[in-house]
Amino acid sequence: MSYDLKNTMNTMIKNPNTIEAGMQDQVIDPQQTPWSLRQSVEHSLTQYFNELDGQQPSALYDLFMHQVEAPLFKCVMEHTQDNQSKAAALLGLNRGTLRKKLKQYDLL
């Protein structure tokens, strides 16, 4: 059985009121306050580890970065209307680094 972070994140988005053990004190009414990025990541990773059912993940850092970077760059490019200079400044990256990442994720 194989799980990936994208499915875990999608599950969290579908049911944001589901809080795993250890996060009960962080219950947030989505209509009052949006989840912080940190809370979303912690919840998704907790759920991911719970769903592994004893299996040991490998290359978790690469999996996580691939799952997070692609939508980050896509959303930033949409927000800046595909202006790479503005996107690079918003991300705090060199424009050349941004172009490399955009090519890496087939966003250019």
PDB file of N, CA and C in Angstrom:
ATOM      1  N   MET A   1       0.844  -1.161   0.000  1.00  0.00           N
ATOM      2  CA  MET A   1       0.000   0.000   0.000  1.00  0.00           C
ATOM      3  C   MET A   1       0.897   1.234   0.000  1.00  0.00           C
ATOM      4  N   SER A   2       0.670   2.161  -0.930  1.00  0.00           N
ATOM      5  CA  SER A   2       1.504   3.352  -1.048  1.00  0.00           C
ATOM      6  C   SER A   2       0.663   4.600  -0.841  1.00  0.00           C
ATOM      7  N   TYR A   3       1.185   5.504  -0.049  1.00  0.00           N
ATOM      8  CA  TYR A   3       0.496   6.763   0.216  1.00  0.00           C
ATOM      9  C   TYR A   3       1.408   7.902  -0.177  1.00  0.00           C
ATOM     10  N   ASP A   4       0.804   9.001  -0.615  1.00  0.00           N
ATOM     11  CA  ASP A   4       1.637  10.160  -0.878  1.00  0.00           C
ATOM     12  C   ASP A   4       1.052  11.375  -0.174  1.00  0.00           C
ATOM     13  N   LEU A   5       1.854  12.374  -0.043  1.00  0.00           N
ATOM     14  CA  LEU A   5       1.464  13.556   0.705  1.00  0.00           C
ATOM     15  C   LEU A   5       0.321  14.296   0.040  1.00  0.00           C
ATOM     16  N   LYS A   6       0.217  14.222  -1.289  1.00  0.00           N
ATOM     17  CA  LYS A   6      -0.854  14.914  -1.990  1.00  0.00           C
ATOM     18  C   LYS A   6      -2.210  14.372  -1.552  1.00  0.00           C
ATOM     19  N   ASN A   7      -2.351  13.037  -1.498  1.00  0.00           N
ATOM     20  CA  ASN A   7      -3.605  12.450  -1.054  1.00  0.00           C
ATOM     21  C   ASN A   7      -3.904  12.831   0.383  1.00  0.00           C
ATOM     22  N   THR A   8      -2.886  12.869   1.202  1.00  0.00           N
ATOM     23  CA  THR A   8      -3.065  13.255   2.599  1.00  0.00           C
ATOM     24  C   THR A   8      -3.552  14.684   2.690  1.00  0.00           C
ATOM     25  N   MET A   9      -2.948  15.576   1.909  1.00  0.00           N
ATOM     26  CA  MET A   9      -3.366  16.970   1.939  1.00  0.00           C
ATOM     27  C   MET A   9      -4.785  17.121   1.417  1.00  0.00           C
ATOM     28  N   ASN A  10      -5.139  16.374   0.370  1.00  0.00           N
ATOM     29  CA  ASN A  10      -6.490  16.441  -0.152  1.00  0.00           C
ATOM     30  C   ASN A  10      -7.493  15.982   0.888  1.00  0.00           C
ATOM     31  N   THR A  11      -7.175  14.945   1.639  1.00  0.00           N
ATOM     32  CA  THR A  11      -8.055  14.469   2.696  1.00  0.00           C
ATOM     33  C   THR A  11      -8.254  15.548   3.740  1.00  0.00           C
ATOM     34  N   MET A  12      -7.164  16.222   4.118  1.00  0.00           N
ATOM     35  CA  MET A  12      -7.254  17.269   5.120  1.00  0.00           C
ATOM     36  C   MET A  12      -8.141  18.404   4.635  1.00  0.00           C
ATOM     37  N   ILE A  13      -8.029  18.766   3.363  1.00  0.00           N
ATOM     38  CA  ILE A  13      -8.820  19.858   2.834  1.00  0.00           C
ATOM     39  C   ILE A  13     -10.291  19.480   2.790  1.00  0.00           C
ATOM     40  N   LYS A  14     -10.586  18.222   2.447  1.00  0.00           N
ATOM     41  CA  LYS A  14     -11.976  17.783   2.396  1.00  0.00           C
ATOM     42  C   LYS A  14     -12.620  17.798   3.774  1.00  0.00           C
ATOM     43  N   ASN A  15     -11.851  17.492   4.821  1.00  0.00           N
ATOM     44  CA  ASN A  15     -12.394  17.439   6.168  1.00  0.00           C
ATOM     45  C   ASN A  15     -11.454  18.147   7.139  1.00  0.00           C
ATOM     46  N   PRO A  16     -11.444  19.499   7.124  1.00  0.00           N
ATOM     47  CA  PRO A  16     -10.490  20.235   7.955  1.00  0.00           C
ATOM     48  C   PRO A  16     -10.782  20.153   9.443  1.00  0.00           C
ATOM     49  N   ASN A  17     -11.933  19.640   9.840  1.00  0.00           N
ATOM     50  CA  ASN A  17     -12.259  19.538  11.263  1.00  0.00           C
ATOM     51  C   ASN A  17     -11.724  18.267  11.900  1.00  0.00           C
ATOM     52  N   THR A  18     -11.169  17.360  11.078  1.00  0.00           N
ATOM     53  CA  THR A  18     -10.598  16.129  11.594  1.00  0.00           C
ATOM     54  C   THR A  18      -9.216  16.436  12.133  1.00  0.00           C
ATOM     55  N   ILE A  19      -9.030  16.264  13.426  1.00  0.00           N
ATOM     56  CA  ILE A  19      -7.756  16.555  14.060  1.00  0.00           C
ATOM     57  C   ILE A  19      -7.204  15.270  14.645  1.00  0.00           C
ATOM     58  N   GLU A  20      -5.937  14.989  14.339  1.00  0.00           N
ATOM     59  CA  GLU A  20      -5.303  13.776  14.829  1.00  0.00           C
ATOM     60  C   GLU A  20      -4.869  13.939  16.277  1.00  0.00           C
ATOM     61  N   ALA A  21      -4.508  12.839  16.910  1.00  0.00           N
ATOM     62  CA  ALA A  21      -4.041  12.857  18.294  1.00  0.00           C
ATOM     63  C   ALA A  21      -2.884  13.825  18.433  1.00  0.00           C
ATOM     64  N   GLY A  22      -2.885  14.572  19.522  1.00  0.00           N
ATOM     65  CA  GLY A  22      -1.831  15.532  19.779  1.00  0.00           C
ATOM     66  C   GLY A  22      -2.123  16.906  19.226  1.00  0.00           C
ATOM     67  N   MET A  23      -3.210  17.043  18.502  1.00  0.00           N
ATOM     68  CA  MET A  23      -3.544  18.343  17.936  1.00  0.00           C
ATOM     69  C   MET A  23      -4.928  18.811  18.388  1.00  0.00           C
ATOM     70  N   GLN A  24      -5.485  18.175  19.410  1.00  0.00           N
ATOM     71  CA  GLN A  24      -6.827  18.524  19.853  1.00  0.00           C
ATOM     72  C   GLN A  24      -6.943  19.981  20.271  1.00  0.00           C
ATOM     73  N   ASP A  25      -5.865  20.528  20.844  1.00  0.00           N
ATOM     74  CA  ASP A  25      -5.921  21.914  21.296  1.00  0.00           C
ATOM     75  C   ASP A  25      -5.853  22.897  20.143  1.00  0.00           C
ATOM     76  N   GLN A  26      -5.725  22.405  18.918  1.00  0.00           N
ATOM     77  CA  GLN A  26      -5.621  23.278  17.763  1.00  0.00           C
ATOM     78  C   GLN A  26      -6.874  23.231  16.898  1.00  0.00           C
ATOM     79  N   VAL A  27      -8.006  22.815  17.440  1.00  0.00           N
ATOM     80  CA  VAL A  27      -9.233  22.762  16.669  1.00  0.00           C
ATOM     81  C   VAL A  27      -9.618  24.181  16.293  1.00  0.00           C
ATOM     82  N   ILE A  28      -9.819  24.385  15.010  1.00  0.00           N
ATOM     83  CA  ILE A  28     -10.131  25.711  14.500  1.00  0.00           C
ATOM     84  C   ILE A  28     -11.399  25.631  13.674  1.00  0.00           C
ATOM     85  N   ASP A  29     -12.296  26.553  13.909  1.00  0.00           N
ATOM     86  CA  ASP A  29     -13.492  26.654  13.102  1.00  0.00           C
ATOM     87  C   ASP A  29     -13.089  27.312  11.790  1.00  0.00           C
ATOM     88  N   PRO A  30     -13.165  26.597  10.656  1.00  0.00           N
ATOM     89  CA  PRO A  30     -12.686  27.153   9.395  1.00  0.00           C
ATOM     90  C   PRO A  30     -13.444  28.408   8.972  1.00  0.00           C
ATOM     91  N   GLN A  31     -14.626  28.629   9.514  1.00  0.00           N
ATOM     92  CA  GLN A  31     -15.372  29.825   9.162  1.00  0.00           C
ATOM     93  C   GLN A  31     -14.909  31.028   9.981  1.00  0.00           C
ATOM     94  N   GLN A  32     -14.198  30.792  11.081  1.00  0.00           N
ATOM     95  CA  GLN A  32     -13.725  31.896  11.911  1.00  0.00           C
ATOM     96  C   GLN A  32     -12.278  32.248  11.587  1.00  0.00           C
ATOM     97  N   THR A  33     -11.392  31.273  11.598  1.00  0.00           N
ATOM     98  CA  THR A  33      -9.974  31.523  11.392  1.00  0.00           C
ATOM     99  C   THR A  33      -9.414  30.452  10.469  1.00  0.00           C
ATOM    100  N   PRO A  34      -8.728  30.865   9.407  1.00  0.00           N
ATOM    101  CA  PRO A  34      -8.111  29.847   8.536  1.00  0.00           C
ATOM    102  C   PRO A  34      -6.923  29.199   9.225  1.00  0.00           C
ATOM    103  N   TRP A  35      -6.631  27.966   8.826  1.00  0.00           N
ATOM    104  CA  TRP A  35      -5.479  27.258   9.372  1.00  0.00           C
ATOM    105  C   TRP A  35      -4.212  27.953   8.909  1.00  0.00           C
ATOM    106  N   SER A  36      -3.215  27.982   9.750  1.00  0.00           N
ATOM    107  CA  SER A  36      -1.912  28.483   9.324  1.00  0.00           C
ATOM    108  C   SER A  36      -1.243  27.402   8.478  1.00  0.00           C
ATOM    109  N   LEU A  37      -0.240  27.797   7.737  1.00  0.00           N
ATOM    110  CA  LEU A  37       0.500  26.812   6.954  1.00  0.00           C
ATOM    111  C   LEU A  37       1.104  25.756   7.867  1.00  0.00           C
ATOM    112  N   ARG A  38       1.632  26.199   8.997  1.00  0.00           N
ATOM    113  CA  ARG A  38       2.248  25.276   9.944  1.00  0.00           C
ATOM    114  C   ARG A  38       1.239  24.228  10.425  1.00  0.00           C
ATOM    115  N   GLN A  39       0.035  24.673  10.790  1.00  0.00           N
ATOM    116  CA  GLN A  39      -0.994  23.741  11.270  1.00  0.00           C
ATOM    117  C   GLN A  39      -1.385  22.766  10.156  1.00  0.00           C
ATOM    118  N   SER A  40      -1.505  23.254   8.945  1.00  0.00           N
ATOM    119  CA  SER A  40      -1.864  22.385   7.829  1.00  0.00           C
ATOM    120  C   SER A  40      -0.798  21.331   7.587  1.00  0.00           C
ATOM    121  N   VAL A  41       0.461  21.739   7.640  1.00  0.00           N
ATOM    122  CA  VAL A  41       1.570  20.796   7.420  1.00  0.00           C
ATOM    123  C   VAL A  41       1.613  19.771   8.536  1.00  0.00           C
ATOM    124  N   GLU A  42       1.519  20.227   9.789  1.00  0.00           N
ATOM    125  CA  GLU A  42       1.553  19.289  10.922  1.00  0.00           C
ATOM    126  C   GLU A  42       0.406  18.294  10.833  1.00  0.00           C
ATOM    127  N   HIS A  43      -0.770  18.769  10.517  1.00  0.00           N
ATOM    128  CA  HIS A  43      -1.930  17.880  10.409  1.00  0.00           C
ATOM    129  C   HIS A  43      -1.731  16.870   9.282  1.00  0.00           C
ATOM    130  N   SER A  44      -1.278  17.351   8.126  1.00  0.00           N
ATOM    131  CA  SER A  44      -1.085  16.456   6.983  1.00  0.00           C
ATOM    132  C   SER A  44      -0.031  15.397   7.264  1.00  0.00           C
ATOM    133  N   LEU A  45       1.071  15.799   7.882  1.00  0.00           N
ATOM    134  CA  LEU A  45       2.125  14.825   8.183  1.00  0.00           C
ATOM    135  C   LEU A  45       1.687  13.822   9.242  1.00  0.00           C
ATOM    136  N   THR A  46       0.958  14.280  10.247  1.00  0.00           N
ATOM    137  CA  THR A  46       0.444  13.372  11.269  1.00  0.00           C
ATOM    138  C   THR A  46      -0.478  12.344  10.625  1.00  0.00           C
ATOM    139  N   GLN A  47      -1.356  12.793   9.774  1.00  0.00           N
ATOM    140  CA  GLN A  47      -2.279  11.888   9.085  1.00  0.00           C
ATOM    141  C   GLN A  47      -1.510  10.950   8.159  1.00  0.00           C
ATOM    142  N   TYR A  48      -0.514  11.473   7.459  1.00  0.00           N
ATOM    143  CA  TYR A  48       0.310  10.653   6.562  1.00  0.00           C
ATOM    144  C   TYR A  48       0.948   9.507   7.337  1.00  0.00           C
ATOM    145  N   PHE A  49       1.574   9.804   8.492  1.00  0.00           N
ATOM    146  CA  PHE A  49       2.222   8.757   9.283  1.00  0.00           C
ATOM    147  C   PHE A  49       1.201   7.766   9.833  1.00  0.00           C
ATOM    148  N   ASN A  50       0.025   8.227  10.226  1.00  0.00           N
ATOM    149  CA  ASN A  50      -1.018   7.328  10.719  1.00  0.00           C
ATOM    150  C   ASN A  50      -1.494   6.375   9.623  1.00  0.00           C
ATOM    151  N   GLU A  51      -1.545   6.852   8.392  1.00  0.00           N
ATOM    152  CA  GLU A  51      -2.034   6.036   7.282  1.00  0.00           C
ATOM    153  C   GLU A  51      -0.989   5.054   6.748  1.00  0.00           C
ATOM    154  N   LEU A  52       0.254   5.211   7.151  1.00  0.00           N
ATOM    155  CA  LEU A  52       1.297   4.299   6.675  1.00  0.00           C
ATOM    156  C   LEU A  52       1.107   2.886   7.201  1.00  0.00           C
ATOM    157  N   ASP A  53       0.352   2.735   8.280  1.00  0.00           N
ATOM    158  CA  ASP A  53       0.027   1.424   8.833  1.00  0.00           C
ATOM    159  C   ASP A  53       1.280   0.594   9.094  1.00  0.00           C
ATOM    160  N   GLY A  54       2.290   1.224   9.706  1.00  0.00           N
ATOM    161  CA  GLY A  54       3.497   0.511  10.076  1.00  0.00           C
ATOM    162  C   GLY A  54       4.592   0.502   9.035  1.00  0.00           C
ATOM    163  N   GLN A  55       4.278   0.867   7.805  1.00  0.00           N
ATOM    164  CA  GLN A  55       5.306   0.923   6.772  1.00  0.00           C
ATOM    165  C   GLN A  55       6.241   2.100   7.044  1.00  0.00           C
ATOM    166  N   GLN A  56       7.507   1.940   6.684  1.00  0.00           N
ATOM    167  CA  GLN A  56       8.490   3.002   6.868  1.00  0.00           C
ATOM    168  C   GLN A  56       8.611   3.812   5.581  1.00  0.00           C
ATOM    169  N   PRO A  57       8.406   5.118   5.669  1.00  0.00           N
ATOM    170  CA  PRO A  57       8.578   5.936   4.460  1.00  0.00           C
ATOM    171  C   PRO A  57      10.054   6.074   4.121  1.00  0.00           C
ATOM    172  N   SER A  58      10.327   6.391   2.879  1.00  0.00           N
ATOM    173  CA  SER A  58      11.709   6.661   2.481  1.00  0.00           C
ATOM    174  C   SER A  58      11.719   7.939   1.652  1.00  0.00           C
ATOM    175  N   ALA A  59      12.820   8.638   1.700  1.00  0.00           N
ATOM    176  CA  ALA A  59      12.992   9.887   0.959  1.00  0.00           C
ATOM    177  C   ALA A  59      11.847  10.860   1.233  1.00  0.00           C
ATOM    178  N   LEU A  60      11.467  10.966   2.490  1.00  0.00           N
ATOM    179  CA  LEU A  60      10.338  11.815   2.867  1.00  0.00           C
ATOM    180  C   LEU A  60      10.594  13.278   2.539  1.00  0.00           C
ATOM    181  N   TYR A  61      11.813  13.740   2.743  1.00  0.00           N
ATOM    182  CA  TYR A  61      12.118  15.144   2.452  1.00  0.00           C
ATOM    183  C   TYR A  61      11.881  15.452   0.976  1.00  0.00           C
ATOM    184  N   ASP A  62      12.387  14.609   0.087  1.00  0.00           N
ATOM    185  CA  ASP A  62      12.195  14.828  -1.348  1.00  0.00           C
ATOM    186  C   ASP A  62      10.717  14.764  -1.722  1.00  0.00           C
ATOM    187  N   LEU A  63      10.001  13.807  -1.172  1.00  0.00           N
ATOM    188  CA  LEU A  63       8.565  13.684  -1.429  1.00  0.00           C
ATOM    189  C   LEU A  63       7.844  14.955  -0.990  1.00  0.00           C
ATOM    190  N   PHE A  64       8.137  15.394   0.216  1.00  0.00           N
ATOM    191  CA  PHE A  64       7.475  16.578   0.760  1.00  0.00           C
ATOM    192  C   PHE A  64       7.785  17.818  -0.078  1.00  0.00           C
ATOM    193  N   MET A  65       9.058  18.030  -0.389  1.00  0.00           N
ATOM    194  CA  MET A  65       9.434  19.215  -1.149  1.00  0.00           C
ATOM    195  C   MET A  65       8.795  19.206  -2.536  1.00  0.00           C
ATOM    196  N   HIS A  66       8.741  18.058  -3.164  1.00  0.00           N
ATOM    197  CA  HIS A  66       8.121  17.974  -4.485  1.00  0.00           C
ATOM    198  C   HIS A  66       6.623  18.286  -4.387  1.00  0.00           C
ATOM    199  N   GLN A  67       5.976  17.775  -3.360  1.00  0.00           N
ATOM    200  CA  GLN A  67       4.549  17.996  -3.193  1.00  0.00           C
ATOM    201  C   GLN A  67       4.219  19.443  -2.833  1.00  0.00           C
ATOM    202  N   VAL A  68       5.110  20.120  -2.140  1.00  0.00           N
ATOM    203  CA  VAL A  68       4.841  21.477  -1.670  1.00  0.00           C
ATOM    204  C   VAL A  68       5.343  22.536  -2.656  1.00  0.00           C
ATOM    205  N   GLU A  69       6.511  22.323  -3.221  1.00  0.00           N
ATOM    206  CA  GLU A  69       7.079  23.337  -4.108  1.00  0.00           C
ATOM    207  C   GLU A  69       6.258  23.572  -5.364  1.00  0.00           C
ATOM    208  N   ALA A  70       5.803  22.529  -5.992  1.00  0.00           N
ATOM    209  CA  ALA A  70       5.065  22.684  -7.247  1.00  0.00           C
ATOM    210  C   ALA A  70       3.835  23.576  -7.072  1.00  0.00           C
ATOM    211  N   PRO A  71       2.953  23.308  -6.104  1.00  0.00           N
ATOM    212  CA  PRO A  71       1.797  24.200  -5.951  1.00  0.00           C
ATOM    213  C   PRO A  71       2.186  25.600  -5.471  1.00  0.00           C
ATOM    214  N   LEU A  72       3.271  25.702  -4.704  1.00  0.00           N
ATOM    215  CA  LEU A  72       3.748  27.015  -4.277  1.00  0.00           C
ATOM    216  C   LEU A  72       4.098  27.866  -5.491  1.00  0.00           C
ATOM    217  N   PHE A  73       4.921  27.323  -6.382  1.00  0.00           N
ATOM    218  CA  PHE A  73       5.322  28.075  -7.560  1.00  0.00           C
ATOM    219  C   PHE A  73       4.141  28.353  -8.479  1.00  0.00           C
ATOM    220  N   LYS A  74       3.247  27.385  -8.624  1.00  0.00           N
ATOM    221  CA  LYS A  74       2.074  27.581  -9.479  1.00  0.00           C
ATOM    222  C   LYS A  74       1.204  28.719  -8.951  1.00  0.00           C
ATOM    223  N   CYS A  75       0.934  28.717  -7.661  1.00  0.00           N
ATOM    224  CA  CYS A  75       0.084  29.757  -7.070  1.00  0.00           C
ATOM    225  C   CYS A  75       0.744  31.129  -7.124  1.00  0.00           C
ATOM    226  N   VAL A  76       2.040  31.182  -6.862  1.00  0.00           N
ATOM    227  CA  VAL A  76       2.754  32.461  -6.911  1.00  0.00           C
ATOM    228  C   VAL A  76       2.753  33.004  -8.336  1.00  0.00           C
ATOM    229  N   MET A  77       2.951  32.147  -9.302  1.00  0.00           N
ATOM    230  CA  MET A  77       2.937  32.612 -10.693  1.00  0.00           C
ATOM    231  C   MET A  77       1.544  33.115 -11.083  1.00  0.00           C
ATOM    232  N   GLU A  78       0.510  32.442 -10.628  1.00  0.00           N
ATOM    233  CA  GLU A  78      -0.852  32.920 -10.893  1.00  0.00           C
ATOM    234  C   GLU A  78      -1.086  34.265 -10.208  1.00  0.00           C
ATOM    235  N   HIS A  79      -0.627  34.374  -8.972  1.00  0.00           N
ATOM    236  CA  HIS A  79      -0.812  35.607  -8.189  1.00  0.00           C
ATOM    237  C   HIS A  79      -0.099  36.792  -8.846  1.00  0.00           C
ATOM    238  N   THR A  80       1.050  36.543  -9.439  1.00  0.00           N
ATOM    239  CA  THR A  80       1.829  37.617 -10.069  1.00  0.00           C
ATOM    240  C   THR A  80       1.543  37.721 -11.570  1.00  0.00           C
ATOM    241  N   GLN A  81       0.526  37.009 -12.037  1.00  0.00           N
ATOM    242  CA  GLN A  81       0.129  36.998 -13.447  1.00  0.00           C
ATOM    243  C   GLN A  81       1.326  36.651 -14.351  1.00  0.00           C
ATOM    244  N   ASP A  82       2.050  35.624 -13.937  1.00  0.00           N
ATOM    245  CA  ASP A  82       3.206  35.084 -14.670  1.00  0.00           C
ATOM    246  C   ASP A  82       4.371  36.065 -14.811  1.00  0.00           C
ATOM    247  N   ASN A  83       4.454  37.044 -13.947  1.00  0.00           N
ATOM    248  CA  ASN A  83       5.575  37.980 -13.951  1.00  0.00           C
ATOM    249  C   ASN A  83       6.693  37.359 -13.112  1.00  0.00           C
ATOM    250  N   GLN A  84       7.712  36.857 -13.774  1.00  0.00           N
ATOM    251  CA  GLN A  84       8.780  36.139 -13.081  1.00  0.00           C
ATOM    252  C   GLN A  84       9.569  37.035 -12.136  1.00  0.00           C
ATOM    253  N   SER A  85       9.767  38.284 -12.497  1.00  0.00           N
ATOM    254  CA  SER A  85      10.503  39.198 -11.614  1.00  0.00           C
ATOM    255  C   SER A  85       9.742  39.415 -10.312  1.00  0.00           C
ATOM    256  N   LYS A  86       8.427  39.641 -10.419  1.00  0.00           N
ATOM    257  CA  LYS A  86       7.609  39.823  -9.218  1.00  0.00           C
ATOM    258  C   LYS A  86       7.547  38.533  -8.400  1.00  0.00           C
ATOM    259  N   ALA A  87       7.416  37.409  -9.085  1.00  0.00           N
ATOM    260  CA  ALA A  87       7.341  36.116  -8.398  1.00  0.00           C
ATOM    261  C   ALA A  87       8.643  35.831  -7.651  1.00  0.00           C
ATOM    262  N   ALA A  88       9.782  36.087  -8.302  1.00  0.00           N
ATOM    263  CA  ALA A  88      11.075  35.851  -7.671  1.00  0.00           C
ATOM    264  C   ALA A  88      11.221  36.735  -6.427  1.00  0.00           C
ATOM    265  N   ALA A  89      10.823  38.001  -6.540  1.00  0.00           N
ATOM    266  CA  ALA A  89      10.903  38.918  -5.393  1.00  0.00           C
ATOM    267  C   ALA A  89       9.983  38.451  -4.271  1.00  0.00           C
ATOM    268  N   LEU A  90       8.781  38.025  -4.616  1.00  0.00           N
ATOM    269  CA  LEU A  90       7.821  37.545  -3.617  1.00  0.00           C
ATOM    270  C   LEU A  90       8.360  36.326  -2.875  1.00  0.00           C
ATOM    271  N   LEU A  91       9.014  35.435  -3.604  1.00  0.00           N
ATOM    272  CA  LEU A  91       9.556  34.205  -3.017  1.00  0.00           C
ATOM    273  C   LEU A  91      10.913  34.424  -2.344  1.00  0.00           C
ATOM    274  N   GLY A  92      11.560  35.539  -2.633  1.00  0.00           N
ATOM    275  CA  GLY A  92      12.890  35.777  -2.102  1.00  0.00           C
ATOM    276  C   GLY A  92      13.945  34.954  -2.813  1.00  0.00           C
ATOM    277  N   LEU A  93      13.716  34.705  -4.106  1.00  0.00           N
ATOM    278  CA  LEU A  93      14.635  33.915  -4.918  1.00  0.00           C
ATOM    279  C   LEU A  93      15.236  34.764  -6.025  1.00  0.00           C
ATOM    280  N   ASN A  94      16.363  34.330  -6.514  1.00  0.00           N
ATOM    281  CA  ASN A  94      16.951  34.890  -7.717  1.00  0.00           C
ATOM    282  C   ASN A  94      16.069  34.468  -8.887  1.00  0.00           C
ATOM    283  N   ARG A  95      15.908  35.335  -9.885  1.00  0.00           N
ATOM    284  CA  ARG A  95      15.044  34.999 -11.016  1.00  0.00           C
ATOM    285  C   ARG A  95      15.541  33.759 -11.759  1.00  0.00           C
ATOM    286  N   GLY A  96      16.834  33.566 -11.818  1.00  0.00           N
ATOM    287  CA  GLY A  96      17.383  32.368 -12.455  1.00  0.00           C
ATOM    288  C   GLY A  96      16.994  31.101 -11.701  1.00  0.00           C
ATOM    289  N   THR A  97      17.010  31.177 -10.373  1.00  0.00           N
ATOM    290  CA  THR A  97      16.597  30.036  -9.546  1.00  0.00           C
ATOM    291  C   THR A  97      15.120  29.746  -9.760  1.00  0.00           C
ATOM    292  N   LEU A  98      14.320  30.808  -9.831  1.00  0.00           N
ATOM    293  CA  LEU A  98      12.886  30.627 -10.077  1.00  0.00           C
ATOM    294  C   LEU A  98      12.665  29.936 -11.418  1.00  0.00           C
ATOM    295  N   ARG A  99      13.338  30.389 -12.460  1.00  0.00           N
ATOM    296  CA  ARG A  99      13.179  29.777 -13.786  1.00  0.00           C
ATOM    297  C   ARG A  99      13.559  28.293 -13.757  1.00  0.00           C
ATOM    298  N   LYS A 100      14.636  27.977 -13.045  1.00  0.00           N
ATOM    299  CA  LYS A 100      15.066  26.573 -12.915  1.00  0.00           C
ATOM    300  C   LYS A 100      13.964  25.733 -12.259  1.00  0.00           C
ATOM    301  N   LYS A 101      13.383  26.265 -11.196  1.00  0.00           N
ATOM    302  CA  LYS A 101      12.311  25.535 -10.491  1.00  0.00           C
ATOM    303  C   LYS A 101      11.056  25.428 -11.358  1.00  0.00           C
ATOM    304  N   LEU A 102      10.731  26.493 -12.071  1.00  0.00           N
ATOM    305  CA  LEU A 102       9.548  26.453 -12.946  1.00  0.00           C
ATOM    306  C   LEU A 102       9.715  25.394 -14.022  1.00  0.00           C
ATOM    307  N   LYS A 103      10.920  25.276 -14.576  1.00  0.00           N
ATOM    308  CA  LYS A 103      11.192  24.239 -15.575  1.00  0.00           C
ATOM    309  C   LYS A 103      11.124  22.851 -14.943  1.00  0.00           C
ATOM    310  N   GLN A 104      11.655  22.734 -13.718  1.00  0.00           N
ATOM    311  CA  GLN A 104      11.661  21.458 -13.008  1.00  0.00           C
ATOM    312  C   GLN A 104      10.240  20.917 -12.836  1.00  0.00           C
ATOM    313  N   TYR A 105       9.276  21.808 -12.583  1.00  0.00           N
ATOM    314  CA  TYR A 105       7.897  21.400 -12.338  1.00  0.00           C
ATOM    315  C   TYR A 105       7.003  21.612 -13.558  1.00  0.00           C
ATOM    316  N   ASP A 106       7.615  21.765 -14.740  1.00  0.00           N
ATOM    317  CA  ASP A 106       6.880  21.957 -15.992  1.00  0.00           C
ATOM    318  C   ASP A 106       5.872  23.099 -15.904  1.00  0.00           C
ATOM    319  N   LEU A 107       6.292  24.199 -15.284  1.00  0.00           N
ATOM    320  CA  LEU A 107       5.446  25.373 -15.163  1.00  0.00           C
ATOM    321  C   LEU A 107       5.896  26.501 -16.081  1.00  0.00           C
ATOM    322  N   LEU A 108       6.915  26.230 -16.885  1.00  0.00           N
ATOM    323  CA  LEU A 108       7.442  27.248 -17.796  1.00  0.00           C
ATOM    324  C   LEU A 108       7.371  26.753 -19.207  1.00  0.00           C
TER     325      LEU A 108
END
